[in-house]
C-alpha cells in the first residue's frame, strides 16, 4: 500500500460543479467529502446522523429556524442530527463535509439538488 497524503487543492482542481460532494477518504464508516458551494441550498435535516462542516476557503452561513452560524476558513461546525438547516454562501466556498457513508446531501427532502452518493475524486 503506497503512503501518500491527500492534496485537497489538487482534488478541488479536478471539478468545478457546485453542490456535488466528492469523497476523498473514508475512515471506519465516515466519509470525508469536499464540495464547492455558492448560493442558497434547501431546508433539510438528517434524522439519523450529525453532519460536520469544515470551511477551507470562503465564508459559509448555516441557517437554522432560530438563528444562524457563520464559518470562515479553518472553522468547523457540527449540525446535530434532526436539526433543520440550510447552508448559504454569498460567494463560492470550498469545504469538507464529514458524515457517515450513504448520507444524502438533501436529507430526506430529495429533489433536483440531491447529489449522487459515493462519487470519489
PDB file of N, CA and C in Angstrom:
ATOM      1  N   UNK A   1       0.847  -1.191   0.000  1.00  0.00           N
ATOM      2  CA  UNK A   1       0.000   0.000   0.000  1.00  0.00           C
ATOM      3  C   UNK A   1       0.884   1.243   0.000  1.00  0.00           C
ATOM      4  N   UNK A   2       0.726   2.119  -0.993  1.00  0.00           N
ATOM      5  CA  UNK A   2       1.538   3.345  -1.012  1.00  0.00           C
ATOM      6  C   UNK A   2       1.030   4.340   0.038  1.00  0.00           C
ATOM      7  N   UNK A   3       1.959   5.036   0.623  1.00  0.00           N
ATOM      8  CA  UNK A   3       1.614   6.065   1.603  1.00  0.00           C
ATOM      9  C   UNK A   3       1.754   7.418   0.934  1.00  0.00           C
ATOM     10  N   UNK A   4       0.649   8.126   0.812  1.00  0.00           N
ATOM     11  CA  UNK A   4       0.682   9.433   0.162  1.00  0.00           C
ATOM     12  C   UNK A   4      -0.394  10.317   0.781  1.00  0.00           C
ATOM     13  N   UNK A   5      -0.086  11.573   0.982  1.00  0.00           N
ATOM     14  CA  UNK A   5      -1.104  12.481   1.521  1.00  0.00           C
ATOM     15  C   UNK A   5      -2.165  12.782   0.472  1.00  0.00           C
ATOM     16  N   UNK A   6      -3.309  13.202   0.936  1.00  0.00           N
ATOM     17  CA  UNK A   6      -4.377  13.647   0.050  1.00  0.00           C
ATOM     18  C   UNK A   6      -4.223  15.155  -0.090  1.00  0.00           C
ATOM     19  N   UNK A   7      -3.973  15.612  -1.309  1.00  0.00           N
ATOM     20  CA  UNK A   7      -3.787  17.034  -1.562  1.00  0.00           C
ATOM     21  C   UNK A   7      -5.141  17.634  -1.940  1.00  0.00           C
ATOM     22  N   UNK A   8      -5.744  18.368  -1.011  1.00  0.00           N
ATOM     23  CA  UNK A   8      -7.086  18.902  -1.229  1.00  0.00           C
ATOM     24  C   UNK A   8      -7.132  19.935  -2.349  1.00  0.00           C
ATOM     25  N   UNK A   9      -6.098  20.756  -2.479  1.00  0.00           N
ATOM     26  CA  UNK A   9      -6.076  21.740  -3.568  1.00  0.00           C
ATOM     27  C   UNK A   9      -6.101  21.032  -4.919  1.00  0.00           C
ATOM     28  N   UNK A  10      -5.335  19.973  -5.069  1.00  0.00           N
ATOM     29  CA  UNK A  10      -5.335  19.207  -6.314  1.00  0.00           C
ATOM     30  C   UNK A  10      -6.694  18.560  -6.554  1.00  0.00           C
ATOM     31  N   UNK A  11      -7.287  18.017  -5.504  1.00  0.00           N
ATOM     32  CA  UNK A  11      -8.608  17.388  -5.642  1.00  0.00           C
ATOM     33  C   UNK A  11      -9.650  18.415  -6.094  1.00  0.00           C
ATOM     34  N   UNK A  12      -9.622  19.616  -5.496  1.00  0.00           N
ATOM     35  CA  UNK A  12     -10.569  20.661  -5.907  1.00  0.00           C
ATOM     36  C   UNK A  12     -10.353  21.071  -7.360  1.00  0.00           C
ATOM     37  N   UNK A  13      -9.116  20.990  -7.837  1.00  0.00           N
ATOM     38  CA  UNK A  13      -8.833  21.392  -9.225  1.00  0.00           C
ATOM     39  C   UNK A  13      -9.442  20.422 -10.250  1.00  0.00           C
ATOM     40  N   UNK A  14      -9.906  19.273  -9.807  1.00  0.00           N
ATOM     41  CA  UNK A  14     -10.444  18.255 -10.718  1.00  0.00           C
ATOM     42  C   UNK A  14     -11.933  18.419 -11.023  1.00  0.00           C
ATOM     43  N   UNK A  15     -12.594  19.371 -10.350  1.00  0.00           N
ATOM     44  CA  UNK A  15     -14.011  19.604 -10.646  1.00  0.00           C
ATOM     45  C   UNK A  15     -14.380  21.056 -10.346  1.00  0.00           C
ATOM     46  N   UNK A  16     -15.413  21.546 -11.017  1.00  0.00           N
ATOM     47  CA  UNK A  16     -15.861  22.926 -10.810  1.00  0.00           C
ATOM     48  C   UNK A  16     -17.337  23.025 -10.452  1.00  0.00           C
ATOM     49  N   UNK A  17     -18.095  21.925 -10.602  1.00  0.00           N
ATOM     50  CA  UNK A  17     -19.525  21.998 -10.311  1.00  0.00           C
ATOM     51  C   UNK A  17     -19.768  22.175  -8.812  1.00  0.00           C
ATOM     52  N   UNK A  18     -20.880  22.809  -8.504  1.00  0.00           N
ATOM     53  CA  UNK A  18     -21.203  23.135  -7.113  1.00  0.00           C
ATOM     54  C   UNK A  18     -22.312  22.235  -6.588  1.00  0.00           C
ATOM     55  N   UNK A  19     -22.341  22.105  -5.269  1.00  0.00           N
ATOM     56  CA  UNK A  19     -23.358  21.325  -4.549  1.00  0.00           C
ATOM     57  C   UNK A  19     -23.288  19.835  -4.887  1.00  0.00           C
ATOM     58  N   UNK A  20     -22.123  19.373  -5.338  1.00  0.00           N
ATOM     59  CA  UNK A  20     -21.926  17.963  -5.693  1.00  0.00           C
ATOM     60  C   UNK A  20     -20.725  17.415  -4.909  1.00  0.00           C
ATOM     61  N   UNK A  21     -20.938  16.947  -3.681  1.00  0.00           N
ATOM     62  CA  UNK A  21     -19.821  16.466  -2.850  1.00  0.00           C
ATOM     63  C   UNK A  21     -19.054  15.311  -3.489  1.00  0.00           C
ATOM     64  N   UNK A  22     -17.733  15.326  -3.299  1.00  0.00           N
ATOM     65  CA  UNK A  22     -16.844  14.269  -3.784  1.00  0.00           C
ATOM     66  C   UNK A  22     -16.118  13.667  -2.585  1.00  0.00           C
ATOM     67  N   UNK A  23     -16.069  12.365  -2.534  1.00  0.00           N
ATOM     68  CA  UNK A  23     -15.383  11.659  -1.449  1.00  0.00           C
ATOM     69  C   UNK A  23     -13.880  11.672  -1.726  1.00  0.00           C
ATOM     70  N   UNK A  24     -13.105  12.022  -0.684  1.00  0.00           N
ATOM     71  CA  UNK A  24     -11.644  11.983  -0.807  1.00  0.00           C
ATOM     72  C   UNK A  24     -11.023  10.934   0.107  1.00  0.00           C
ATOM     73  N   UNK A  25     -11.782  10.475   1.119  1.00  0.00           N
ATOM     74  CA  UNK A  25     -11.254   9.468   2.047  1.00  0.00           C
ATOM     75  C   UNK A  25     -12.397   8.882   2.869  1.00  0.00           C
ATOM     76  N   UNK A  26     -12.126   7.707   3.407  1.00  0.00           N
ATOM     77  CA  UNK A  26     -13.048   7.065   4.351  1.00  0.00           C
ATOM     78  C   UNK A  26     -12.268   6.633   5.582  1.00  0.00           C
ATOM     79  N   UNK A  27     -12.936   6.685   6.716  1.00  0.00           N
ATOM     80  CA  UNK A  27     -12.363   6.195   7.962  1.00  0.00           C
ATOM     81  C   UNK A  27     -13.495   5.508   8.714  1.00  0.00           C
ATOM     82  N   UNK A  28     -13.356   4.227   8.924  1.00  0.00           N
ATOM     83  CA  UNK A  28     -14.428   3.437   9.513  1.00  0.00           C
ATOM     84  C   UNK A  28     -15.676   3.629   8.652  1.00  0.00           C
ATOM     85  N   UNK A  29     -16.752   4.104   9.186  1.00  0.00           N
ATOM     86  CA  UNK A  29     -17.973   4.313   8.396  1.00  0.00           C
ATOM     87  C   UNK A  29     -18.148   5.773   7.956  1.00  0.00           C
ATOM     88  N   UNK A  30     -17.155   6.618   8.245  1.00  0.00           N
ATOM     89  CA  UNK A  30     -17.257   8.037   7.902  1.00  0.00           C
ATOM     90  C   UNK A  30     -16.615   8.335   6.555  1.00  0.00           C
ATOM     91  N   UNK A  31     -17.235   9.247   5.816  1.00  0.00           N
ATOM     92  CA  UNK A  31     -16.644   9.736   4.577  1.00  0.00           C
ATOM     93  C   UNK A  31     -16.234  11.195   4.752  1.00  0.00           C
ATOM     94  N   UNK A  32     -15.110  11.540   4.167  1.00  0.00           N
ATOM     95  CA  UNK A  32     -14.616  12.903   4.108  1.00  0.00           C
ATOM     96  C   UNK A  32     -14.887  13.369   2.687  1.00  0.00           C
ATOM     97  N   UNK A  33     -15.757  14.362   2.527  1.00  0.00           N
ATOM     98  CA  UNK A  33     -16.184  14.828   1.212  1.00  0.00           C
ATOM     99  C   UNK A  33     -15.809  16.289   1.043  1.00  0.00           C
ATOM    100  N   UNK A  34     -15.338  16.650  -0.149  1.00  0.00           N
ATOM    101  CA  UNK A  34     -15.103  18.058  -0.443  1.00  0.00           C
ATOM    102  C   UNK A  34     -16.188  18.518  -1.409  1.00  0.00           C
ATOM    103  N   UNK A  35     -16.519  19.803  -1.314  1.00  0.00           N
ATOM    104  CA  UNK A  35     -17.595  20.336  -2.137  1.00  0.00           C
ATOM    105  C   UNK A  35     -17.400  21.835  -2.321  1.00  0.00           C
ATOM    106  N   UNK A  36     -17.843  22.318  -3.466  1.00  0.00           N
ATOM    107  CA  UNK A  36     -17.898  23.752  -3.746  1.00  0.00           C
ATOM    108  C   UNK A  36     -19.352  24.178  -3.586  1.00  0.00           C
ATOM    109  N   UNK A  37     -19.593  25.286  -2.908  1.00  0.00           N
ATOM    110  CA  UNK A  37     -20.948  25.794  -2.680  1.00  0.00           C
ATOM    111  C   UNK A  37     -21.024  27.259  -3.067  1.00  0.00           C
ATOM    112  N   UNK A  38     -22.158  27.656  -3.612  1.00  0.00           N
ATOM    113  CA  UNK A  38     -22.441  29.076  -3.824  1.00  0.00           C
ATOM    114  C   UNK A  38     -23.949  29.221  -3.945  1.00  0.00           C
ATOM    115  N   UNK A  39     -24.486  30.228  -3.245  1.00  0.00           N
ATOM    116  CA  UNK A  39     -25.921  30.457  -3.240  1.00  0.00           C
ATOM    117  C   UNK A  39     -26.586  29.747  -2.073  1.00  0.00           C
ATOM    118  N   UNK A  40     -27.919  29.674  -2.143  1.00  0.00           N
ATOM    119  CA  UNK A  40     -28.718  29.031  -1.096  1.00  0.00           C
ATOM    120  C   UNK A  40     -28.954  27.568  -1.417  1.00  0.00           C
ATOM    121  N   UNK A  41     -28.927  26.739  -0.396  1.00  0.00           N
ATOM    122  CA  UNK A  41     -29.334  25.349  -0.535  1.00  0.00           C
ATOM    123  C   UNK A  41     -30.791  25.264  -0.099  1.00  0.00           C
ATOM    124  N   UNK A  42     -31.270  24.090   0.209  1.00  0.00           N
ATOM    125  CA  UNK A  42     -32.650  23.948   0.657  1.00  0.00           C
ATOM    126  C   UNK A  42     -32.693  23.548   2.129  1.00  0.00           C
ATOM    127  N   UNK A  43     -33.818  23.849   2.755  1.00  0.00           N
ATOM    128  CA  UNK A  43     -34.010  23.433   4.141  1.00  0.00           C
ATOM    129  C   UNK A  43     -34.082  21.910   4.171  1.00  0.00           C
ATOM    130  N   UNK A  44     -33.319  21.307   5.077  1.00  0.00           N
ATOM    131  CA  UNK A  44     -33.330  19.851   5.210  1.00  0.00           C
ATOM    132  C   UNK A  44     -32.763  19.462   6.568  1.00  0.00           C
ATOM    133  N   UNK A  45     -32.883  18.196   6.904  1.00  0.00           N
ATOM    134  CA  UNK A  45     -32.259  17.679   8.114  1.00  0.00           C
ATOM    135  C   UNK A  45     -31.830  16.235   7.854  1.00  0.00           C
ATOM    136  N   UNK A  46     -31.011  15.731   8.744  1.00  0.00           N
ATOM    137  CA  UNK A  46     -30.541  14.348   8.680  1.00  0.00           C
ATOM    138  C   UNK A  46     -31.005  13.675   9.968  1.00  0.00           C
ATOM    139  N   UNK A  47     -32.026  12.856   9.863  1.00  0.00           N
ATOM    140  CA  UNK A  47     -32.673  12.266  11.038  1.00  0.00           C
ATOM    141  C   UNK A  47     -31.772  11.294  11.788  1.00  0.00           C
ATOM    142  N   UNK A  48     -30.830  10.688  11.091  1.00  0.00           N
ATOM    143  CA  UNK A  48     -30.041   9.612  11.698  1.00  0.00           C
ATOM    144  C   UNK A  48     -28.607   9.984  12.076  1.00  0.00           C
ATOM    145  N   UNK A  49     -28.138  11.180  11.693  1.00  0.00           N
ATOM    146  CA  UNK A  49     -26.727  11.478  11.909  1.00  0.00           C
ATOM    147  C   UNK A  49     -26.450  12.970  12.061  1.00  0.00           C
ATOM    148  N   UNK A  50     -25.369  13.278  12.756  1.00  0.00           N
ATOM    149  CA  UNK A  50     -24.821  14.624  12.780  1.00  0.00           C
ATOM    150  C   UNK A  50     -24.121  14.855  11.442  1.00  0.00           C
ATOM    151  N   UNK A  51     -23.836  16.137  11.144  1.00  0.00           N
ATOM    152  CA  UNK A  51     -23.122  16.477   9.905  1.00  0.00           C
ATOM    153  C   UNK A  51     -22.105  17.561  10.240  1.00  0.00           C
ATOM    154  N   UNK A  52     -20.835  17.313   9.898  1.00  0.00           N
ATOM    155  CA  UNK A  52     -19.771  18.266  10.205  1.00  0.00           C
ATOM    156  C   UNK A  52     -19.387  19.054   8.959  1.00  0.00           C
ATOM    157  N   UNK A  53     -19.281  20.382   9.100  1.00  0.00           N
ATOM    158  CA  UNK A  53     -18.858  21.293   8.038  1.00  0.00           C
ATOM    159  C   UNK A  53     -17.520  21.894   8.461  1.00  0.00           C
ATOM    160  N   UNK A  54     -16.505  21.778   7.624  1.00  0.00           N
ATOM    161  CA  UNK A  54     -15.197  22.379   7.858  1.00  0.00           C
ATOM    162  C   UNK A  54     -14.890  23.273   6.668  1.00  0.00           C
ATOM    163  N   UNK A  55     -14.886  24.586   6.870  1.00  0.00           N
ATOM    164  CA  UNK A  55     -14.657  25.531   5.780  1.00  0.00           C
ATOM    165  C   UNK A  55     -13.155  25.630   5.498  1.00  0.00           C
ATOM    166  N   UNK A  56     -12.811  25.473   4.227  1.00  0.00           N
ATOM    167  CA  UNK A  56     -11.421  25.575   3.795  1.00  0.00           C
ATOM    168  C   UNK A  56     -11.139  26.932   3.160  1.00  0.00           C
ATOM    169  N   UNK A  57     -12.091  27.428   2.350  1.00  0.00           N
ATOM    170  CA  UNK A  57     -11.981  28.752   1.725  1.00  0.00           C
ATOM    171  C   UNK A  57     -13.359  29.386   1.680  1.00  0.00           C
ATOM    172  N   UNK A  58     -13.409  30.706   1.891  1.00  0.00           N
ATOM    173  CA  UNK A  58     -14.668  31.429   1.798  1.00  0.00           C
ATOM    174  C   UNK A  58     -15.395  31.524   3.134  1.00  0.00           C
ATOM    175  N   UNK A  59     -16.635  31.989   3.056  1.00  0.00           N
ATOM    176  CA  UNK A  59     -17.470  32.151   4.251  1.00  0.00           C
ATOM    177  C   UNK A  59     -18.803  31.460   4.022  1.00  0.00           C
ATOM    178  N   UNK A  60     -19.170  30.602   4.952  1.00  0.00           N
ATOM    179  CA  UNK A  60     -20.413  29.849   4.883  1.00  0.00           C
ATOM    180  C   UNK A  60     -21.327  30.276   6.025  1.00  0.00           C
ATOM    181  N   UNK A  61     -22.592  30.472   5.702  1.00  0.00           N
ATOM    182  CA  UNK A  61     -23.606  30.701   6.732  1.00  0.00           C
ATOM    183  C   UNK A  61     -24.508  29.475   6.745  1.00  0.00           C
ATOM    184  N   UNK A  62     -24.743  28.938   7.919  1.00  0.00           N
ATOM    185  CA  UNK A  62     -25.700  27.846   8.056  1.00  0.00           C
ATOM    186  C   UNK A  62     -26.882  28.409   8.827  1.00  0.00           C
ATOM    187  N   UNK A  63     -28.026  28.475   8.147  1.00  0.00           N
ATOM    188  CA  UNK A  63     -29.239  29.000   8.766  1.00  0.00           C
ATOM    189  C   UNK A  63     -29.968  27.888   9.509  1.00  0.00           C
ATOM    190  N   UNK A  64     -30.556  28.266  10.636  1.00  0.00           N
ATOM    191  CA  UNK A  64     -31.423  27.395  11.416  1.00  0.00           C
ATOM    192  C   UNK A  64     -32.738  28.139  11.587  1.00  0.00           C
ATOM    193  N   UNK A  65     -33.778  27.472  11.970  1.00  0.00           N
ATOM    194  CA  UNK A  65     -35.075  28.129  12.136  1.00  0.00           C
ATOM    195  C   UNK A  65     -35.040  29.185  13.227  1.00  0.00           C
ATOM    196  N   UNK A  66     -34.077  29.073  14.148  1.00  0.00           N
ATOM    197  CA  UNK A  66     -33.997  30.025  15.262  1.00  0.00           C
ATOM    198  C   UNK A  66     -32.677  30.787  15.312  1.00  0.00           C
ATOM    199  N   UNK A  67     -31.959  30.870  14.187  1.00  0.00           N
ATOM    200  CA  UNK A  67     -30.697  31.605  14.174  1.00  0.00           C
ATOM    201  C   UNK A  67     -29.800  31.134  13.043  1.00  0.00           C
ATOM    202  N   UNK A  68     -28.514  31.473  13.153  1.00  0.00           N
ATOM    203  CA  UNK A  68     -27.553  31.098  12.118  1.00  0.00           C
ATOM    204  C   UNK A  68     -26.155  31.076  12.720  1.00  0.00           C
ATOM    205  N   UNK A  69     -25.248  30.403  12.027  1.00  0.00           N
ATOM    206  CA  UNK A  69     -23.839  30.410  12.395  1.00  0.00           C
ATOM    207  C   UNK A  69     -23.053  30.738  11.137  1.00  0.00           C
ATOM    208  N   UNK A  70     -22.006  31.581  11.279  1.00  0.00           N
ATOM    209  CA  UNK A  70     -21.113  31.920  10.165  1.00  0.00           C
ATOM    210  C   UNK A  70     -19.774  31.249  10.408  1.00  0.00           C
ATOM    211  N   UNK A  71     -19.250  30.642   9.328  1.00  0.00           N
ATOM    212  CA  UNK A  71     -17.969  29.954   9.412  1.00  0.00           C
ATOM    213  C   UNK A  71     -17.018  30.523   8.377  1.00  0.00           C
ATOM    214  N   UNK A  72     -15.796  30.809   8.816  1.00  0.00           N
ATOM    215  CA  UNK A  72     -14.740  31.255   7.919  1.00  0.00           C
ATOM    216  C   UNK A  72     -13.706  30.163   7.747  1.00  0.00           C
ATOM    217  N   UNK A  73     -12.660  30.435   6.963  1.00  0.00           N
ATOM    218  CA  UNK A  73     -11.616  29.445   6.727  1.00  0.00           C
ATOM    219  C   UNK A  73     -11.024  28.920   8.035  1.00  0.00           C
ATOM    220  N   UNK A  74     -10.936  27.601   8.113  1.00  0.00           N
ATOM    221  CA  UNK A  74     -10.373  26.973   9.302  1.00  0.00           C
ATOM    222  C   UNK A  74     -11.379  26.758  10.417  1.00  0.00           C
ATOM    223  N   UNK A  75     -12.641  27.133  10.186  1.00  0.00           N
ATOM    224  CA  UNK A  75     -13.659  26.945  11.219  1.00  0.00           C
ATOM    225  C   UNK A  75     -14.568  25.776  10.869  1.00  0.00           C
ATOM    226  N   UNK A  76     -15.082  25.151  11.933  1.00  0.00           N
ATOM    227  CA  UNK A  76     -15.872  23.942  11.785  1.00  0.00           C
ATOM    228  C   UNK A  76     -17.115  24.041  12.648  1.00  0.00           C
ATOM    229  N   UNK A  77     -18.185  23.397  12.194  1.00  0.00           N
ATOM    230  CA  UNK A  77     -19.418  23.351  12.982  1.00  0.00           C
ATOM    231  C   UNK A  77     -20.095  22.009  12.730  1.00  0.00           C
ATOM    232  N   UNK A  78     -20.636  21.425  13.790  1.00  0.00           N
ATOM    233  CA  UNK A  78     -21.362  20.167  13.679  1.00  0.00           C
ATOM    234  C   UNK A  78     -22.846  20.444  13.873  1.00  0.00           C
ATOM    235  N   UNK A  79     -23.632  20.128  12.850  1.00  0.00           N
ATOM    236  CA  UNK A  79     -25.086  20.243  12.932  1.00  0.00           C
ATOM    237  C   UNK A  79     -25.596  18.940  13.550  1.00  0.00           C
ATOM    238  N   UNK A  80     -26.259  19.025  14.704  1.00  0.00           N
ATOM    239  CA  UNK A  80     -26.759  17.808  15.349  1.00  0.00           C
ATOM    240  C   UNK A  80     -27.841  17.119  14.521  1.00  0.00           C
ATOM    241  N   UNK A  81     -27.903  15.811  14.647  1.00  0.00           N
ATOM    242  CA  UNK A  81     -28.906  15.062  13.894  1.00  0.00           C
ATOM    243  C   UNK A  81     -30.305  15.578  14.210  1.00  0.00           C
ATOM    244  N   UNK A  82     -31.130  15.593  13.173  1.00  0.00           N
ATOM    245  CA  UNK A  82     -32.509  16.017  13.330  1.00  0.00           C
ATOM    246  C   UNK A  82     -32.746  17.513  13.287  1.00  0.00           C
ATOM    247  N   UNK A  83     -31.685  18.325  13.259  1.00  0.00           N
ATOM    248  CA  UNK A  83     -31.832  19.786  13.268  1.00  0.00           C
ATOM    249  C   UNK A  83     -31.943  20.291  11.828  1.00  0.00           C
ATOM    250  N   UNK A  84     -33.043  20.977  11.528  1.00  0.00           N
ATOM    251  CA  UNK A  84     -33.251  21.524  10.194  1.00  0.00           C
ATOM    252  C   UNK A  84     -32.269  22.673   9.960  1.00  0.00           C
ATOM    253  N   UNK A  85     -31.648  22.672   8.785  1.00  0.00           N
ATOM    254  CA  UNK A  85     -30.648  23.690   8.463  1.00  0.00           C
ATOM    255  C   UNK A  85     -30.621  23.950   6.967  1.00  0.00           C
ATOM    256  N   UNK A  86     -29.995  25.090   6.612  1.00  0.00           N
ATOM    257  CA  UNK A  86     -29.882  25.487   5.202  1.00  0.00           C
ATOM    258  C   UNK A  86     -28.553  26.213   5.017  1.00  0.00           C
ATOM    259  N   UNK A  87     -27.588  25.570   4.354  1.00  0.00           N
ATOM    260  CA  UNK A  87     -26.325  26.247   4.061  1.00  0.00           C
ATOM    261  C   UNK A  87     -26.518  27.347   3.013  1.00  0.00           C
ATOM    262  N   UNK A  88     -25.725  28.402   3.135  1.00  0.00           N
ATOM    263  CA  UNK A  88     -25.786  29.520   2.200  1.00  0.00           C
ATOM    264  C   UNK A  88     -24.387  30.121   2.058  1.00  0.00           C
ATOM    265  N   UNK A  89     -24.001  30.407   0.805  1.00  0.00           N
ATOM    266  CA  UNK A  89     -22.702  31.018   0.535  1.00  0.00           C
ATOM    267  C   UNK A  89     -22.896  32.157  -0.461  1.00  0.00           C
ATOM    268  N   UNK A  90     -22.574  33.381  -0.050  1.00  0.00           N
ATOM    269  CA  UNK A  90     -22.743  34.539  -0.942  1.00  0.00           C
ATOM    270  C   UNK A  90     -21.787  34.488  -2.119  1.00  0.00           C
ATOM    271  N   UNK A  91     -20.593  33.930  -1.905  1.00  0.00           N
ATOM    272  CA  UNK A  91     -19.655  33.658  -2.993  1.00  0.00           C
ATOM    273  C   UNK A  91     -19.115  32.248  -2.755  1.00  0.00           C
ATOM    274  N   UNK A  92     -18.392  31.720  -3.739  1.00  0.00           N
ATOM    275  CA  UNK A  92     -18.016  30.309  -3.639  1.00  0.00           C
ATOM    276  C   UNK A  92     -17.237  29.977  -2.370  1.00  0.00           C
ATOM    277  N   UNK A  93     -17.624  28.872  -1.777  1.00  0.00           N
ATOM    278  CA  UNK A  93     -16.975  28.319  -0.584  1.00  0.00           C
ATOM    279  C   UNK A  93     -16.476  26.928  -0.936  1.00  0.00           C
ATOM    280  N   UNK A  94     -15.292  26.621  -0.450  1.00  0.00           N
ATOM    281  CA  UNK A  94     -14.782  25.255  -0.541  1.00  0.00           C
ATOM    282  C   UNK A  94     -14.784  24.696   0.873  1.00  0.00           C
ATOM    283  N   UNK A  95     -15.399  23.537   1.019  1.00  0.00           N
ATOM    284  CA  UNK A  95     -15.460  22.976   2.360  1.00  0.00           C
ATOM    285  C   UNK A  95     -15.370  21.472   2.337  1.00  0.00           C
ATOM    286  N   UNK A  96     -15.179  20.914   3.526  1.00  0.00           N
ATOM    287  CA  UNK A  96     -15.174  19.481   3.717  1.00  0.00           C
ATOM    288  C   UNK A  96     -16.368  19.122   4.582  1.00  0.00           C
ATOM    289  N   UNK A  97     -17.086  18.088   4.164  1.00  0.00           N
ATOM    290  CA  UNK A  97     -18.161  17.509   4.954  1.00  0.00           C
ATOM    291  C   UNK A  97     -17.652  16.194   5.531  1.00  0.00           C
ATOM    292  N   UNK A  98     -18.014  15.927   6.769  1.00  0.00           N
ATOM    293  CA  UNK A  98     -17.649  14.659   7.393  1.00  0.00           C
ATOM    294  C   UNK A  98     -18.945  14.045   7.880  1.00  0.00           C
ATOM    295  N   UNK A  99     -19.276  12.887   7.304  1.00  0.00           N
ATOM    296  CA  UNK A  99     -20.553  12.253   7.625  1.00  0.00           C
ATOM    297  C   UNK A  99     -20.480  10.769   7.288  1.00  0.00           C
ATOM    298  N   UNK A 100     -21.384   9.971   7.830  1.00  0.00           N
ATOM    299  CA  UNK A 100     -21.372   8.536   7.531  1.00  0.00           C
ATOM    300  C   UNK A 100     -21.622   8.249   6.056  1.00  0.00           C
ATOM    301  N   UNK A 101     -21.060   7.170   5.580  1.00  0.00           N
ATOM    302  CA  UNK A 101     -21.281   6.714   4.213  1.00  0.00           C
ATOM    303  C   UNK A 101     -22.778   6.572   3.955  1.00  0.00           C
ATOM    304  N   UNK A 102     -23.226   7.012   2.779  1.00  0.00           N
ATOM    305  CA  UNK A 102     -24.619   6.842   2.387  1.00  0.00           C
ATOM    306  C   UNK A 102     -25.545   7.993   2.707  1.00  0.00           C
ATOM    307  N   UNK A 103     -25.059   9.029   3.398  1.00  0.00           N
ATOM    308  CA  UNK A 103     -25.907  10.164   3.743  1.00  0.00           C
ATOM    309  C   UNK A 103     -26.153  11.020   2.497  1.00  0.00           C
ATOM    310  N   UNK A 104     -27.421  11.296   2.210  1.00  0.00           N
ATOM    311  CA  UNK A 104     -27.765  12.165   1.082  1.00  0.00           C
ATOM    312  C   UNK A 104     -27.598  13.623   1.478  1.00  0.00           C
ATOM    313  N   UNK A 105     -27.096  14.436   0.576  1.00  0.00           N
ATOM    314  CA  UNK A 105     -26.863  15.850   0.881  1.00  0.00           C
ATOM    315  C   UNK A 105     -28.147  16.608   1.176  1.00  0.00           C
ATOM    316  N   UNK A 106     -29.280  16.131   0.680  1.00  0.00           N
ATOM    317  CA  UNK A 106     -30.565  16.806   0.916  1.00  0.00           C
ATOM    318  C   UNK A 106     -31.384  16.131   2.012  1.00  0.00           C
ATOM    319  N   UNK A 107     -30.778  15.234   2.770  1.00  0.00           N
ATOM    320  CA  UNK A 107     -31.534  14.506   3.785  1.00  0.00           C
ATOM    321  C   UNK A 107     -32.637  13.708   3.110  1.00  0.00           C
ATOM    322  N   UNK A 108     -33.843  13.788   3.646  1.00  0.00           N
ATOM    323  CA  UNK A 108     -34.977  13.075   3.052  1.00  0.00           C
ATOM    324  C   UNK A 108     -35.834  13.985   2.182  1.00  0.00           C
ATOM    325  N   UNK A 109     -35.337  15.213   1.900  1.00  0.00           N
ATOM    326  CA  UNK A 109     -36.109  16.165   1.100  1.00  0.00           C
ATOM    327  C   UNK A 109     -36.131  15.793  -0.378  1.00  0.00           C
ATOM    328  N   UNK A 110     -35.017  15.217  -0.864  1.00  0.00           N
ATOM    329  CA  UNK A 110     -34.952  14.850  -2.274  1.00  0.00           C
ATOM    330  C   UNK A 110     -34.931  16.070  -3.174  1.00  0.00           C
ATOM    331  N   UNK A 111     -35.267  15.889  -4.436  1.00  0.00           N
ATOM    332  CA  UNK A 111     -35.324  16.995  -5.386  1.00  0.00           C
ATOM    333  C   UNK A 111     -34.101  17.080  -6.274  1.00  0.00           C
ATOM    334  N   UNK A 112     -34.090  18.135  -7.097  1.00  0.00           N
ATOM    335  CA  UNK A 112     -33.042  18.287  -8.105  1.00  0.00           C
ATOM    336  C   UNK A 112     -31.669  18.563  -7.521  1.00  0.00           C
ATOM    337  N   UNK A 113     -31.575  19.015  -6.284  1.00  0.00           N
ATOM    338  CA  UNK A 113     -30.276  19.275  -5.655  1.00  0.00           C
ATOM    339  C   UNK A 113     -29.651  18.032  -5.027  1.00  0.00           C
ATOM    340  N   UNK A 114     -30.363  16.899  -5.041  1.00  0.00           N
ATOM    341  CA  UNK A 114     -29.808  15.680  -4.448  1.00  0.00           C
ATOM    342  C   UNK A 114     -28.637  15.198  -5.300  1.00  0.00           C
ATOM    343  N   UNK A 115     -27.485  15.072  -4.669  1.00  0.00           N
ATOM    344  CA  UNK A 115     -26.273  14.636  -5.355  1.00  0.00           C
ATOM    345  C   UNK A 115     -26.149  13.114  -5.288  1.00  0.00           C
ATOM    346  N   UNK A 116     -25.474  12.566  -6.278  1.00  0.00           N
ATOM    347  CA  UNK A 116     -25.186  11.136  -6.266  1.00  0.00           C
ATOM    348  C   UNK A 116     -24.207  10.850  -5.139  1.00  0.00           C
ATOM    349  N   UNK A 117     -24.421   9.763  -4.423  1.00  0.00           N
ATOM    350  CA  UNK A 117     -23.527   9.368  -3.323  1.00  0.00           C
ATOM    351  C   UNK A 117     -22.315   8.614  -3.824  1.00  0.00           C
ATOM    352  N   UNK A 118     -21.288   8.588  -2.987  1.00  0.00           N
ATOM    353  CA  UNK A 118     -20.073   7.787  -3.202  1.00  0.00           C
ATOM    354  C   UNK A 118     -19.366   8.107  -4.518  1.00  0.00           C
ATOM    355  N   UNK A 119     -19.348   9.387  -4.897  1.00  0.00           N
ATOM    356  CA  UNK A 119     -18.575   9.821  -6.052  1.00  0.00           C
ATOM    357  C   UNK A 119     -17.194  10.241  -5.524  1.00  0.00           C
ATOM    358  N   UNK A 120     -16.182   9.538  -5.963  1.00  0.00           N
ATOM    359  CA  UNK A 120     -14.809   9.792  -5.499  1.00  0.00           C
ATOM    360  C   UNK A 120     -14.072  10.704  -6.470  1.00  0.00           C
ATOM    361  N   UNK A 121     -13.172  11.486  -5.915  1.00  0.00           N
ATOM    362  CA  UNK A 121     -12.276  12.295  -6.710  1.00  0.00           C
ATOM    363  C   UNK A 121     -10.852  12.095  -6.208  1.00  0.00           C
TER     364      UNK A 121
END
